[in-house]
Amino acid sequence: MLFRSGNVQDIYHLNGNVGIGTASPAATLDVNGNANVSGNVGIGTASPAARLHVAGSGWFGADSGGLPSNAGAGVRLFYDTVTVAGQIYAYNYGTAQGADLALQGPGGNVGIGTTAPAAKLDVRGDVKLGPSGEYYAPAAEENLRILRGWATANTPKGVVNGPYNGVGSGFTYVAVSQGVVDVTFNTPFAGAPCVTANPITTGGIIIQMEAQGGGGVPTPSGFRANILDLSGNGRDWPFNFIAIGPR
């Protein structure tokens, strides 16, 4: 049925389905082939604000394989019948290269296994890492960070040094006197860390730790290592340490 209003022609079909490219339409509008739409398309809305505006939930069905190069760059969302998994990725079919995919760029949290994420990334369950997923991500009841490295008293006294032999990062150290080393963390912990230290080689060496300047316990900004032999004499000896504390 065709209606004319001035120079505008509208087509109305009041009953049944409309088929384009098919004589047996199975839906109100059944298009068999490609469609080229100029402007916005609304599904569930009469005022679409984007090229495709869906008011309500969406369902993406089965698919597999790639798209032609003229698809260009974009984000693809589908259910892969080969991997039997839903997939979402950013990809440029014109250059056959993957692209970055940002989640929640404007703000908010992302939840995996939870509908109420309490952090930027909230995962309820195990996390696996490594090229083959061979490692589990460590976890703790506190929000912690780890710092490790090597240092030595066998260096010119009073000189600020980076990690001994390049082992570790995030700290400097100064040999204060024979057998005494002050280690300073580049970024202080939010609270007092737990620090353990051991001589790098054997030889009857013990290491006692305290606050920089002497006395007390390691502080969020660093610690002092007293390197002693079994007679209590200071020794210029290398050592390794691990510091774990709140972020």
Protein backbone atom coordinates (compact mmCIF):
# COMPACT_ATOMS: atom_id res chain seq x y z
CA MET A 1 0.00 0.00 0.00
CA LEU A 2 1.45 3.36 -1.09
CA PHE A 3 0.58 6.77 0.29
CA ARG A 4 1.79 10.05 -1.17
CA SER A 5 2.10 13.29 0.80
CA GLY A 6 3.52 16.05 -1.39
CA ASN A 7 6.81 14.82 -2.83
CA VAL A 8 7.20 12.20 -0.09
CA GLN A 9 6.16 8.60 -0.60
CA ASP A 10 5.69 6.28 2.40
CA ILE A 11 4.96 2.58 2.34
CA TYR A 12 2.83 0.99 5.07
CA HIS A 13 2.23 -2.70 5.50
CA LEU A 14 -0.27 -3.20 8.29
CA ASN A 15 -0.54 -6.97 8.52
CA GLY A 16 1.89 -9.85 8.14
CA ASN A 17 5.64 -9.79 7.45
CA VAL A 18 7.74 -7.90 4.93
CA GLY A 19 10.46 -9.71 3.01
CA ILE A 20 13.35 -8.10 1.15
CA GLY A 21 15.27 -10.64 -0.91
CA THR A 22 12.98 -13.42 0.31
CA ALA A 23 9.46 -14.51 -0.58
CA SER A 24 8.99 -16.20 2.78
CA PRO A 25 9.71 -13.58 5.46
CA ALA A 26 9.90 -15.15 8.91
CA ALA A 27 9.78 -11.88 10.84
CA THR A 28 8.07 -8.51 10.66
CA LEU A 29 11.04 -7.41 8.51
CA ASP A 30 13.16 -10.17 6.99
CA VAL A 31 16.12 -9.00 4.88
CA ASN A 32 18.06 -11.59 2.89
CA GLY A 33 21.23 -9.77 1.81
CA ASN A 34 23.04 -6.59 2.73
CA ALA A 35 21.37 -3.41 3.86
CA ASN A 36 22.65 0.14 3.58
CA VAL A 37 21.09 2.55 6.05
CA SER A 38 21.82 6.29 6.02
CA GLY A 39 21.28 7.74 9.48
CA ASN A 40 20.54 6.00 12.76
CA VAL A 41 18.70 2.75 13.39
CA GLY A 42 16.66 2.25 16.52
CA ILE A 43 15.56 -1.08 17.94
CA GLY A 44 13.05 -0.59 20.72
CA THR A 45 13.30 3.17 20.38
CA ALA A 46 11.89 5.72 17.96
CA SER A 47 14.69 8.21 18.71
CA PRO A 48 18.00 6.43 18.07
CA ALA A 49 21.00 8.47 19.26
CA ALA A 50 23.67 6.39 17.52
CA ARG A 51 24.13 4.47 14.27
CA LEU A 52 22.61 1.48 16.10
CA HIS A 53 20.64 2.20 19.25
CA VAL A 54 19.16 -0.82 21.04
CA ALA A 55 16.79 -0.11 23.91
CA GLY A 56 16.82 -3.42 25.76
CA SER A 57 19.08 -6.44 25.90
CA GLY A 58 20.95 -7.78 22.88
CA TRP A 59 21.80 -11.30 21.80
CA PHE A 60 24.77 -12.16 19.61
CA GLY A 61 24.57 -15.54 17.97
CA ALA A 62 27.02 -18.07 16.59
CA ASP A 63 29.74 -17.07 14.14
CA SER A 64 33.26 -18.10 13.19
CA GLY A 65 36.10 -17.03 10.97
CA GLY A 66 37.20 -13.52 10.11
CA LEU A 67 35.70 -10.62 8.23
CA PRO A 68 36.82 -9.20 4.87
CA SER A 69 39.53 -6.53 4.83
CA ASN A 70 37.04 -3.82 3.86
CA ALA A 71 35.46 -4.21 7.30
CA GLY A 72 38.32 -2.02 8.51
CA ALA A 73 38.94 -1.37 12.21
CA GLY A 74 36.40 -1.96 14.92
CA VAL A 75 35.25 -4.05 17.85
CA ARG A 76 33.79 -7.49 17.21
CA LEU A 77 31.42 -9.30 19.58
CA PHE A 78 30.15 -12.78 18.80
CA TYR A 79 29.83 -16.40 19.94
CA ASP A 80 32.61 -18.44 18.33
CA THR A 81 31.42 -21.87 17.25
CA VAL A 82 35.03 -23.10 16.93
CA THR A 83 36.30 -22.18 20.41
CA VAL A 84 32.78 -22.52 21.85
CA ALA A 85 33.19 -19.23 23.71
CA GLY A 86 31.93 -15.69 23.51
CA GLN A 87 34.55 -13.33 22.11
CA ILE A 88 35.07 -9.59 22.15
CA TYR A 89 38.12 -7.94 20.64
CA ALA A 90 39.36 -4.86 18.83
CA TYR A 91 40.82 -5.64 15.42
CA ASN A 92 41.74 -3.98 12.13
CA TYR A 93 40.81 -6.30 9.30
CA GLY A 94 42.35 -3.90 6.81
CA THR A 95 45.84 -4.33 8.28
CA ALA A 96 45.25 -7.74 9.92
CA GLN A 97 46.41 -6.40 13.28
CA GLY A 98 44.92 -6.45 16.73
CA ALA A 99 44.21 -3.21 18.57
CA ASP A 100 43.96 -2.18 22.20
CA LEU A 101 40.67 -2.77 24.00
CA ALA A 102 39.90 -0.46 26.93
CA LEU A 103 37.25 -1.41 29.48
CA GLN A 104 35.49 1.21 31.60
CA GLY A 105 37.65 4.05 30.29
CA PRO A 106 35.29 6.76 31.65
CA GLY A 107 35.51 5.24 35.14
CA GLY A 108 33.85 2.58 37.23
CA ASN A 109 34.90 -0.98 38.01
CA VAL A 110 35.06 -4.25 36.09
CA GLY A 111 33.83 -7.48 37.66
CA ILE A 112 34.63 -11.06 36.65
CA GLY A 113 32.46 -13.54 38.47
CA THR A 114 30.66 -10.75 40.33
CA THR A 115 27.98 -8.21 39.47
CA ALA A 116 29.13 -5.85 42.24
CA PRO A 117 32.86 -5.18 41.65
CA ALA A 118 34.53 -3.38 44.55
CA ALA A 119 37.79 -2.47 42.78
CA LYS A 120 39.00 -1.45 39.32
CA LEU A 121 39.23 -5.18 38.55
CA ASP A 122 37.38 -7.49 40.93
CA VAL A 123 37.88 -11.20 40.17
CA ARG A 124 35.96 -13.76 42.20
CA GLY A 125 37.94 -16.93 41.59
CA ASP A 126 41.47 -17.91 40.58
CA VAL A 127 43.62 -15.96 38.12
CA LYS A 128 46.14 -17.74 35.91
CA LEU A 129 49.21 -16.12 34.34
CA GLY A 130 52.10 -17.00 32.07
CA PRO A 131 52.42 -17.90 28.37
CA SER A 132 50.49 -21.14 28.92
CA GLY A 133 48.53 -20.19 32.03
CA GLU A 134 50.93 -22.24 34.12
CA TYR A 135 51.03 -19.84 37.07
CA TYR A 136 48.43 -18.78 39.60
CA ALA A 137 48.32 -15.12 40.66
CA PRO A 138 49.36 -14.72 44.31
CA ALA A 139 46.75 -13.45 46.72
CA ALA A 140 46.61 -12.02 50.23
CA GLU A 141 44.00 -10.67 52.60
CA GLU A 142 45.90 -7.36 52.55
CA ASN A 143 46.67 -5.11 49.59
CA LEU A 144 50.43 -5.72 49.46
CA ARG A 145 53.43 -5.10 47.25
CA ILE A 146 56.81 -6.84 47.17
CA LEU A 147 60.28 -5.36 46.76
CA ARG A 148 63.48 -7.40 46.56
CA GLY A 149 67.14 -6.87 45.77
CA TRP A 150 70.83 -7.18 46.56
CA ALA A 151 73.02 -4.74 48.48
CA THR A 152 76.52 -4.81 49.99
CA ALA A 153 78.65 -3.03 52.58
CA ASN A 154 81.72 -3.67 50.42
CA THR A 155 81.48 -0.34 48.61
CA PRO A 156 82.77 3.21 49.24
CA LYS A 157 81.13 4.54 52.37
CA GLY A 158 78.54 7.31 52.13
CA VAL A 159 77.88 6.81 48.40
CA VAL A 160 74.33 6.18 47.15
CA ASN A 161 74.16 3.03 45.05
CA GLY A 162 71.58 1.30 42.94
CA PRO A 163 70.85 -2.43 43.26
CA TYR A 164 74.03 -4.47 43.75
CA ASN A 165 74.93 -6.37 40.55
CA GLY A 166 71.69 -5.01 39.07
CA VAL A 167 69.51 -7.38 41.09
CA GLY A 168 66.16 -5.87 42.06
CA SER A 169 64.70 -2.40 41.62
CA GLY A 170 62.86 0.31 43.49
CA PHE A 171 65.50 1.06 46.13
CA THR A 172 68.94 2.56 46.79
CA TYR A 173 71.48 1.75 49.48
CA VAL A 174 74.39 3.42 51.25
CA ALA A 175 77.24 1.68 53.08
CA VAL A 176 77.34 3.78 56.26
CA SER A 177 80.33 2.10 57.89
CA GLN A 178 81.92 -1.33 58.08
CA GLY A 179 79.12 -3.88 58.10
CA VAL A 180 76.35 -1.25 58.19
CA VAL A 181 74.05 -0.57 55.20
CA ASP A 182 71.02 1.71 54.96
CA VAL A 183 68.43 0.65 52.35
CA THR A 184 65.91 3.27 51.19
CA PHE A 185 62.76 2.39 49.23
CA ASN A 186 62.10 4.69 46.28
CA THR A 187 58.37 4.55 47.06
CA PRO A 188 57.60 4.12 50.77
CA PHE A 189 55.13 1.48 51.85
CA ALA A 190 51.82 2.63 53.32
CA GLY A 191 52.77 0.99 56.61
CA ALA A 192 55.62 -0.89 58.27
CA PRO A 193 56.86 -3.71 56.00
CA CYS A 194 58.09 -7.15 56.90
CA VAL A 195 61.74 -7.46 55.84
CA THR A 196 63.95 -10.53 55.72
CA ALA A 197 67.63 -10.59 54.69
CA ASN A 198 70.29 -13.23 54.20
CA PRO A 199 73.98 -13.21 53.24
CA ILE A 200 74.46 -13.99 49.56
CA THR A 201 77.25 -16.48 50.32
CA THR A 202 77.98 -18.58 53.38
CA GLY A 203 80.73 -17.72 55.84
CA GLY A 204 79.33 -17.45 59.33
CA ILE A 205 77.48 -14.19 58.67
CA ILE A 206 74.31 -12.99 60.37
CA ILE A 207 72.22 -9.93 59.48
CA GLN A 208 70.29 -7.88 62.01
CA MET A 209 67.77 -5.31 60.81
CA GLU A 210 66.52 -2.13 62.42
CA ALA A 211 65.38 1.36 61.48
CA GLN A 212 67.73 3.62 59.58
CA GLY A 213 69.86 5.54 62.03
CA GLY A 214 69.74 2.63 64.50
CA GLY A 215 67.17 1.23 66.88
CA GLY A 216 63.57 0.25 66.31
CA VAL A 217 62.26 -1.78 63.40
CA PRO A 218 62.21 -1.29 59.60
CA THR A 219 60.04 1.67 58.63
CA PRO A 220 57.86 2.29 55.54
CA SER A 221 60.76 4.20 53.93
CA GLY A 222 63.58 1.71 54.54
CA PHE A 223 65.77 -0.18 56.99
CA ARG A 224 69.31 -0.62 58.28
CA ALA A 225 71.16 -3.92 57.89
CA ASN A 226 73.91 -4.74 60.40
CA ILE A 227 76.14 -7.41 58.87
CA LEU A 228 78.02 -9.31 61.57
CA ASP A 229 80.24 -12.35 61.92
CA LEU A 230 79.64 -14.84 64.68
CA SER A 231 81.88 -12.80 67.01
CA GLY A 232 79.71 -9.72 66.50
CA ASN A 233 82.18 -7.85 64.32
CA GLY A 234 80.93 -5.80 61.38
CA ARG A 235 81.71 -7.34 57.98
CA ASP A 236 81.54 -5.77 54.53
CA TRP A 237 79.43 -8.51 53.01
CA PRO A 238 76.76 -8.70 50.27
CA PHE A 239 73.22 -9.69 51.15
CA ASN A 240 69.78 -10.11 49.61
CA PHE A 241 66.47 -8.96 51.06
CA ILE A 242 62.74 -9.15 50.50
CA ALA A 243 60.35 -6.50 51.79
CA ILE A 244 56.58 -7.03 51.82
CA GLY A 245 54.24 -4.32 52.99
CA PRO A 246 50.95 -2.51 52.38
CA ARG A 247 50.60 -0.48 49.20
